[in-house]
Amino acid sequence: MNEAQGDTNLLKELLHYPMPFGKYKGRLIRELPISYLEWFVKEGFPAGKLGMLLRTMYEIKLNGLDYLLDGIQRNR
């Protein structure tokens, strides 16, 4: 798998991966408010895949790149 394909797969996961705990349990990571993601920036992201997805979603929202996810969802 090349790097671009891996990045696309990661973005696709953000469309369907639910938050497994906390105030937003069950809500898709894509739908989490930036304020919740900022809390993780201050307090620390969880380890593993969840932390990677949360960190990625934070960067996407911080940089106004939500349209990347919209494009992937439309092309499914």
PDB file of N, CA and C in Angstrom:
ATOM      1  N   MET A   1       0.867  -1.179   0.000  1.00  0.00           N
ATOM      2  CA  MET A   1       0.000   0.000   0.000  1.00  0.00           C
ATOM      3  C   MET A   1       0.905   1.230   0.000  1.00  0.00           C
ATOM      4  N   ASN A   2       0.612   2.153  -0.893  1.00  0.00           N
ATOM      5  CA  ASN A   2       1.416   3.366  -0.932  1.00  0.00           C
ATOM      6  C   ASN A   2       0.921   4.360   0.118  1.00  0.00           C
ATOM      7  N   GLU A   3       1.719   5.395   0.344  1.00  0.00           N
ATOM      8  CA  GLU A   3       1.401   6.361   1.403  1.00  0.00           C
ATOM      9  C   GLU A   3       0.089   7.094   1.158  1.00  0.00           C
ATOM     10  N   ALA A   4      -0.184   7.470  -0.087  1.00  0.00           N
ATOM     11  CA  ALA A   4      -1.430   8.186  -0.399  1.00  0.00           C
ATOM     12  C   ALA A   4      -2.641   7.318  -0.106  1.00  0.00           C
ATOM     13  N   GLN A   5      -2.563   6.039  -0.441  1.00  0.00           N
ATOM     14  CA  GLN A   5      -3.676   5.130  -0.161  1.00  0.00           C
ATOM     15  C   GLN A   5      -3.869   4.977   1.345  1.00  0.00           C
ATOM     16  N   GLY A   6      -2.772   4.900   2.093  1.00  0.00           N
ATOM     17  CA  GLY A   6      -2.866   4.811   3.544  1.00  0.00           C
ATOM     18  C   GLY A   6      -3.527   6.039   4.139  1.00  0.00           C
ATOM     19  N   ASP A   7      -3.178   7.211   3.629  1.00  0.00           N
ATOM     20  CA  ASP A   7      -3.783   8.448   4.114  1.00  0.00           C
ATOM     21  C   ASP A   7      -5.278   8.477   3.821  1.00  0.00           C
ATOM     22  N   THR A   8      -5.665   8.015   2.633  1.00  0.00           N
ATOM     23  CA  THR A   8      -7.083   7.978   2.274  1.00  0.00           C
ATOM     24  C   THR A   8      -7.841   7.027   3.186  1.00  0.00           C
ATOM     25  N   ASN A   9      -7.242   5.883   3.481  1.00  0.00           N
ATOM     26  CA  ASN A   9      -7.893   4.928   4.385  1.00  0.00           C
ATOM     27  C   ASN A   9      -8.070   5.524   5.775  1.00  0.00           C
ATOM     28  N   LEU A  10      -7.088   6.264   6.239  1.00  0.00           N
ATOM     29  CA  LEU A  10      -7.195   6.924   7.541  1.00  0.00           C
ATOM     30  C   LEU A  10      -8.347   7.922   7.530  1.00  0.00           C
ATOM     31  N   LEU A  11      -8.450   8.703   6.481  1.00  0.00           N
ATOM     32  CA  LEU A  11      -9.532   9.682   6.385  1.00  0.00           C
ATOM     33  C   LEU A  11     -10.888   8.989   6.315  1.00  0.00           C
ATOM     34  N   LYS A  12     -10.969   7.866   5.621  1.00  0.00           N
ATOM     35  CA  LYS A  12     -12.227   7.110   5.555  1.00  0.00           C
ATOM     36  C   LYS A  12     -12.633   6.619   6.943  1.00  0.00           C
ATOM     37  N   GLU A  13     -11.642   6.215   7.738  1.00  0.00           N
ATOM     38  CA  GLU A  13     -11.957   5.764   9.098  1.00  0.00           C
ATOM     39  C   GLU A  13     -12.580   6.880   9.927  1.00  0.00           C
ATOM     40  N   LEU A  14     -12.146   8.104   9.710  1.00  0.00           N
ATOM     41  CA  LEU A  14     -12.699   9.230  10.461  1.00  0.00           C
ATOM     42  C   LEU A  14     -14.186   9.417  10.196  1.00  0.00           C
ATOM     43  N   LEU A  15     -14.653   8.930   9.059  1.00  0.00           N
ATOM     44  CA  LEU A  15     -16.074   9.052   8.716  1.00  0.00           C
ATOM     45  C   LEU A  15     -16.945   8.086   9.510  1.00  0.00           C
ATOM     46  N   HIS A  16     -16.357   6.998  10.018  1.00  0.00           N
ATOM     47  CA  HIS A  16     -17.156   5.928  10.615  1.00  0.00           C
ATOM     48  C   HIS A  16     -16.751   5.521  12.027  1.00  0.00           C
ATOM     49  N   TYR A  17     -15.664   6.040  12.557  1.00  0.00           N
ATOM     50  CA  TYR A  17     -15.142   5.591  13.850  1.00  0.00           C
ATOM     51  C   TYR A  17     -15.844   6.330  14.990  1.00  0.00           C
ATOM     52  N   PRO A  18     -16.540   5.607  15.870  1.00  0.00           N
ATOM     53  CA  PRO A  18     -17.232   6.274  16.980  1.00  0.00           C
ATOM     54  C   PRO A  18     -16.306   6.498  18.181  1.00  0.00           C
ATOM     55  N   MET A  19     -16.575   7.539  18.908  1.00  0.00           N
ATOM     56  CA  MET A  19     -15.859   7.809  20.153  1.00  0.00           C
ATOM     57  C   MET A  19     -16.297   6.757  21.168  1.00  0.00           C
ATOM     58  N   PRO A  20     -15.358   5.995  21.746  1.00  0.00           N
ATOM     59  CA  PRO A  20     -15.743   4.880  22.607  1.00  0.00           C
ATOM     60  C   PRO A  20     -16.032   5.238  24.070  1.00  0.00           C
ATOM     61  N   PHE A  21     -15.783   6.469  24.487  1.00  0.00           N
ATOM     62  CA  PHE A  21     -15.987   6.816  25.895  1.00  0.00           C
ATOM     63  C   PHE A  21     -16.219   8.317  26.044  1.00  0.00           C
ATOM     64  N   GLY A  22     -16.574   8.701  27.258  1.00  0.00           N
ATOM     65  CA  GLY A  22     -16.658  10.117  27.595  1.00  0.00           C
ATOM     66  C   GLY A  22     -17.962  10.788  27.212  1.00  0.00           C
ATOM     67  N   LYS A  23     -17.927  12.089  27.292  1.00  0.00           N
ATOM     68  CA  LYS A  23     -19.097  12.928  27.047  1.00  0.00           C
ATOM     69  C   LYS A  23     -19.716  12.686  25.674  1.00  0.00           C
ATOM     70  N   TYR A  24     -18.891  12.372  24.697  1.00  0.00           N
ATOM     71  CA  TYR A  24     -19.366  12.191  23.325  1.00  0.00           C
ATOM     72  C   TYR A  24     -19.328  10.724  22.889  1.00  0.00           C
ATOM     73  N   LYS A  25     -19.470   9.820  23.838  1.00  0.00           N
ATOM     74  CA  LYS A  25     -19.471   8.387  23.534  1.00  0.00           C
ATOM     75  C   LYS A  25     -20.519   8.088  22.457  1.00  0.00           C
ATOM     76  N   GLY A  26     -20.095   7.339  21.432  1.00  0.00           N
ATOM     77  CA  GLY A  26     -20.995   6.964  20.352  1.00  0.00           C
ATOM     78  C   GLY A  26     -21.030   7.939  19.188  1.00  0.00           C
ATOM     79  N   ARG A  27     -20.566   9.145  19.406  1.00  0.00           N
ATOM     80  CA  ARG A  27     -20.553  10.134  18.319  1.00  0.00           C
ATOM     81  C   ARG A  27     -19.338   9.870  17.433  1.00  0.00           C
ATOM     82  N   LEU A  28     -19.520  10.044  16.144  1.00  0.00           N
ATOM     83  CA  LEU A  28     -18.406   9.843  15.220  1.00  0.00           C
ATOM     84  C   LEU A  28     -17.304  10.861  15.498  1.00  0.00           C
ATOM     85  N   ILE A  29     -16.067  10.425  15.371  1.00  0.00           N
ATOM     86  CA  ILE A  29     -14.934  11.320  15.622  1.00  0.00           C
ATOM     87  C   ILE A  29     -15.023  12.562  14.743  1.00  0.00           C
ATOM     88  N   ARG A  30     -15.503  12.389  13.537  1.00  0.00           N
ATOM     89  CA  ARG A  30     -15.646  13.532  12.631  1.00  0.00           C
ATOM     90  C   ARG A  30     -16.579  14.597  13.215  1.00  0.00           C
ATOM     91  N   GLU A  31     -17.541  14.191  14.022  1.00  0.00           N
ATOM     92  CA  GLU A  31     -18.551  15.104  14.560  1.00  0.00           C
ATOM     93  C   GLU A  31     -18.145  15.746  15.885  1.00  0.00           C
ATOM     94  N   LEU A  32     -16.997  15.378  16.429  1.00  0.00           N
ATOM     95  CA  LEU A  32     -16.583  15.939  17.717  1.00  0.00           C
ATOM     96  C   LEU A  32     -16.285  17.431  17.576  1.00  0.00           C
ATOM     97  N   PRO A  33     -16.700  18.223  18.555  1.00  0.00           N
ATOM     98  CA  PRO A  33     -16.395  19.660  18.489  1.00  0.00           C
ATOM     99  C   PRO A  33     -14.903  19.916  18.712  1.00  0.00           C
ATOM    100  N   ILE A  34     -14.413  20.959  18.102  1.00  0.00           N
ATOM    101  CA  ILE A  34     -12.997  21.306  18.228  1.00  0.00           C
ATOM    102  C   ILE A  34     -12.613  21.530  19.689  1.00  0.00           C
ATOM    103  N   SER A  35     -13.529  22.045  20.501  1.00  0.00           N
ATOM    104  CA  SER A  35     -13.211  22.282  21.912  1.00  0.00           C
ATOM    105  C   SER A  35     -12.882  20.975  22.637  1.00  0.00           C
ATOM    106  N   TYR A  36     -13.558  19.894  22.276  1.00  0.00           N
ATOM    107  CA  TYR A  36     -13.276  18.585  22.876  1.00  0.00           C
ATOM    108  C   TYR A  36     -11.901  18.089  22.420  1.00  0.00           C
ATOM    109  N   LEU A  37     -11.584  18.287  21.163  1.00  0.00           N
ATOM    110  CA  LEU A  37     -10.274  17.881  20.654  1.00  0.00           C
ATOM    111  C   LEU A  37      -9.164  18.728  21.275  1.00  0.00           C
ATOM    112  N   GLU A  38      -9.437  20.000  21.518  1.00  0.00           N
ATOM    113  CA  GLU A  38      -8.457  20.873  22.175  1.00  0.00           C
ATOM    114  C   GLU A  38      -8.189  20.412  23.601  1.00  0.00           C
ATOM    115  N   TRP A  39      -9.186  19.858  24.251  1.00  0.00           N
ATOM    116  CA  TRP A  39      -8.992  19.319  25.595  1.00  0.00           C
ATOM    117  C   TRP A  39      -7.952  18.200  25.553  1.00  0.00           C
ATOM    118  N   PHE A  40      -8.036  17.342  24.544  1.00  0.00           N
ATOM    119  CA  PHE A  40      -7.048  16.267  24.403  1.00  0.00           C
ATOM    120  C   PHE A  40      -5.661  16.824  24.117  1.00  0.00           C
ATOM    121  N   VAL A  41      -5.585  17.927  23.381  1.00  0.00           N
ATOM    122  CA  VAL A  41      -4.284  18.550  23.121  1.00  0.00           C
ATOM    123  C   VAL A  41      -3.637  18.932  24.449  1.00  0.00           C
ATOM    124  N   LYS A  42      -4.428  19.500  25.353  1.00  0.00           N
ATOM    125  CA  LYS A  42      -3.902  19.933  26.654  1.00  0.00           C
ATOM    126  C   LYS A  42      -3.635  18.765  27.595  1.00  0.00           C
ATOM    127  N   GLU A  43      -4.540  17.799  27.624  1.00  0.00           N
ATOM    128  CA  GLU A  43      -4.475  16.710  28.601  1.00  0.00           C
ATOM    129  C   GLU A  43      -3.749  15.466  28.094  1.00  0.00           C
ATOM    130  N   GLY A  44      -3.613  15.348  26.803  1.00  0.00           N
ATOM    131  CA  GLY A  44      -2.954  14.190  26.204  1.00  0.00           C
ATOM    132  C   GLY A  44      -3.940  13.297  25.469  1.00  0.00           C
ATOM    133  N   PHE A  45      -3.541  12.877  24.294  1.00  0.00           N
ATOM    134  CA  PHE A  45      -4.364  11.971  23.502  1.00  0.00           C
ATOM    135  C   PHE A  45      -4.194  10.553  24.017  1.00  0.00           C
ATOM    136  N   PRO A  46      -5.230   9.717  23.886  1.00  0.00           N
ATOM    137  CA  PRO A  46      -5.077   8.317  24.263  1.00  0.00           C
ATOM    138  C   PRO A  46      -4.056   7.636  23.341  1.00  0.00           C
ATOM    139  N   ALA A  47      -3.529   6.529  23.808  1.00  0.00           N
ATOM    140  CA  ALA A  47      -2.564   5.768  23.013  1.00  0.00           C
ATOM    141  C   ALA A  47      -3.271   5.028  21.886  1.00  0.00           C
ATOM    142  N   GLY A  48      -2.501   4.617  20.915  1.00  0.00           N
ATOM    143  CA  GLY A  48      -3.000   3.732  19.874  1.00  0.00           C
ATOM    144  C   GLY A  48      -3.780   4.421  18.778  1.00  0.00           C
ATOM    145  N   LYS A  49      -4.602   3.604  18.133  1.00  0.00           N
ATOM    146  CA  LYS A  49      -5.366   4.047  16.965  1.00  0.00           C
ATOM    147  C   LYS A  49      -6.301   5.205  17.292  1.00  0.00           C
ATOM    148  N   LEU A  50      -6.990   5.133  18.431  1.00  0.00           N
ATOM    149  CA  LEU A  50      -7.911   6.202  18.806  1.00  0.00           C
ATOM    150  C   LEU A  50      -7.180   7.532  18.920  1.00  0.00           C
ATOM    151  N   GLY A  51      -6.044   7.532  19.581  1.00  0.00           N
ATOM    152  CA  GLY A  51      -5.269   8.758  19.716  1.00  0.00           C
ATOM    153  C   GLY A  51      -4.834   9.319  18.377  1.00  0.00           C
ATOM    154  N   MET A  52      -4.420   8.426  17.470  1.00  0.00           N
ATOM    155  CA  MET A  52      -4.011   8.859  16.139  1.00  0.00           C
ATOM    156  C   MET A  52      -5.185   9.485  15.388  1.00  0.00           C
ATOM    157  N   LEU A  53      -6.357   8.867  15.485  1.00  0.00           N
ATOM    158  CA  LEU A  53      -7.535   9.406  14.802  1.00  0.00           C
ATOM    159  C   LEU A  53      -7.953  10.753  15.395  1.00  0.00           C
ATOM    160  N   LEU A  54      -7.941  10.863  16.710  1.00  0.00           N
ATOM    161  CA  LEU A  54      -8.308  12.130  17.357  1.00  0.00           C
ATOM    162  C   LEU A  54      -7.319  13.237  16.989  1.00  0.00           C
ATOM    163  N   ARG A  55      -6.046  12.914  17.002  1.00  0.00           N
ATOM    164  CA  ARG A  55      -5.010  13.895  16.653  1.00  0.00           C
ATOM    165  C   ARG A  55      -5.169  14.339  15.192  1.00  0.00           C
ATOM    166  N   THR A  56      -5.450  13.395  14.322  1.00  0.00           N
ATOM    167  CA  THR A  56      -5.655  13.717  12.904  1.00  0.00           C
ATOM    168  C   THR A  56      -6.875  14.610  12.723  1.00  0.00           C
ATOM    169  N   MET A  57      -7.963  14.275  13.418  1.00  0.00           N
ATOM    170  CA  MET A  57      -9.183  15.087  13.305  1.00  0.00           C
ATOM    171  C   MET A  57      -8.945  16.489  13.843  1.00  0.00           C
ATOM    172  N   TYR A  58      -8.189  16.609  14.909  1.00  0.00           N
ATOM    173  CA  TYR A  58      -7.851  17.925  15.448  1.00  0.00           C
ATOM    174  C   TYR A  58      -7.111  18.755  14.392  1.00  0.00           C
ATOM    175  N   GLU A  59      -6.120  18.170  13.756  1.00  0.00           N
ATOM    176  CA  GLU A  59      -5.344  18.893  12.743  1.00  0.00           C
ATOM    177  C   GLU A  59      -6.214  19.283  11.552  1.00  0.00           C
ATOM    178  N   ILE A  60      -7.108  18.394  11.158  1.00  0.00           N
ATOM    179  CA  ILE A  60      -8.012  18.690  10.040  1.00  0.00           C
ATOM    180  C   ILE A  60      -8.890  19.886  10.384  1.00  0.00           C
ATOM    181  N   LYS A  61      -9.497  19.857  11.564  1.00  0.00           N
ATOM    182  CA  LYS A  61     -10.395  20.958  11.956  1.00  0.00           C
ATOM    183  C   LYS A  61      -9.618  22.251  12.192  1.00  0.00           C
ATOM    184  N   LEU A  62      -8.476  22.146  12.831  1.00  0.00           N
ATOM    185  CA  LEU A  62      -7.663  23.321  13.126  1.00  0.00           C
ATOM    186  C   LEU A  62      -7.263  24.063  11.849  1.00  0.00           C
ATOM    187  N   ASN A  63      -6.986  23.308  10.803  1.00  0.00           N
ATOM    188  CA  ASN A  63      -6.512  23.892   9.551  1.00  0.00           C
ATOM    189  C   ASN A  63      -7.606  24.072   8.505  1.00  0.00           C
ATOM    190  N   GLY A  64      -8.873  23.888   8.905  1.00  0.00           N
ATOM    191  CA  GLY A  64      -9.989  24.115   7.992  1.00  0.00           C
ATOM    192  C   GLY A  64     -10.034  23.150   6.818  1.00  0.00           C
ATOM    193  N   LEU A  65      -9.634  21.910   7.054  1.00  0.00           N
ATOM    194  CA  LEU A  65      -9.566  20.925   5.976  1.00  0.00           C
ATOM    195  C   LEU A  65     -10.722  19.932   5.999  1.00  0.00           C
ATOM    196  N   ASP A  66     -11.816  20.281   6.647  1.00  0.00           N
ATOM    197  CA  ASP A  66     -12.982  19.390   6.722  1.00  0.00           C
ATOM    198  C   ASP A  66     -13.474  18.973   5.337  1.00  0.00           C
ATOM    199  N   TYR A  67     -13.266  19.831   4.356  1.00  0.00           N
ATOM    200  CA  TYR A  67     -13.721  19.528   2.997  1.00  0.00           C
ATOM    201  C   TYR A  67     -13.087  18.246   2.455  1.00  0.00           C
ATOM    202  N   LEU A  68     -11.920  17.868   2.969  1.00  0.00           N
ATOM    203  CA  LEU A  68     -11.305  16.609   2.536  1.00  0.00           C
ATOM    204  C   LEU A  68     -12.210  15.426   2.858  1.00  0.00           C
ATOM    205  N   LEU A  69     -12.814  15.463   4.036  1.00  0.00           N
ATOM    206  CA  LEU A  69     -13.714  14.380   4.437  1.00  0.00           C
ATOM    207  C   LEU A  69     -15.003  14.426   3.636  1.00  0.00           C
ATOM    208  N   ASP A  70     -15.482  15.627   3.337  1.00  0.00           N
ATOM    209  CA  ASP A  70     -16.695  15.759   2.519  1.00  0.00           C
ATOM    210  C   ASP A  70     -16.480  15.127   1.150  1.00  0.00           C
ATOM    211  N   GLY A  71     -15.320  15.385   0.555  1.00  0.00           N
ATOM    212  CA  GLY A  71     -15.012  14.835  -0.756  1.00  0.00           C
ATOM    213  C   GLY A  71     -14.927  13.323  -0.742  1.00  0.00           C
ATOM    214  N   ILE A  72     -14.335  12.769   0.288  1.00  0.00           N
ATOM    215  CA  ILE A  72     -14.231  11.311   0.399  1.00  0.00           C
ATOM    216  C   ILE A  72     -15.608  10.697   0.572  1.00  0.00           C
ATOM    217  N   GLN A  73     -16.437  11.316   1.388  1.00  0.00           N
ATOM    218  CA  GLN A  73     -17.775  10.777   1.631  1.00  0.00           C
ATOM    219  C   GLN A  73     -18.616  10.810   0.352  1.00  0.00           C
ATOM    220  N   ARG A  74     -18.502  11.865  -0.435  1.00  0.00           N
ATOM    221  CA  ARG A  74     -19.251  11.973  -1.692  1.00  0.00           C
ATOM    222  C   ARG A  74     -18.804  10.930  -2.711  1.00  0.00           C
ATOM    223  N   ASN A  75     -17.521  10.596  -2.686  1.00  0.00           N
ATOM    224  CA  ASN A  75     -16.967   9.672  -3.680  1.00  0.00           C
ATOM    225  C   ASN A  75     -17.121   8.205  -3.304  1.00  0.00           C
ATOM    226  N   ARG A  76     -17.771   7.903  -2.234  1.00  0.00           N
ATOM    227  CA  ARG A  76     -17.937   6.511  -1.784  1.00  0.00           C
ATOM    228  C   ARG A  76     -18.932   5.790  -2.622  1.00  0.00           C
TER     229      ARG A  76
END
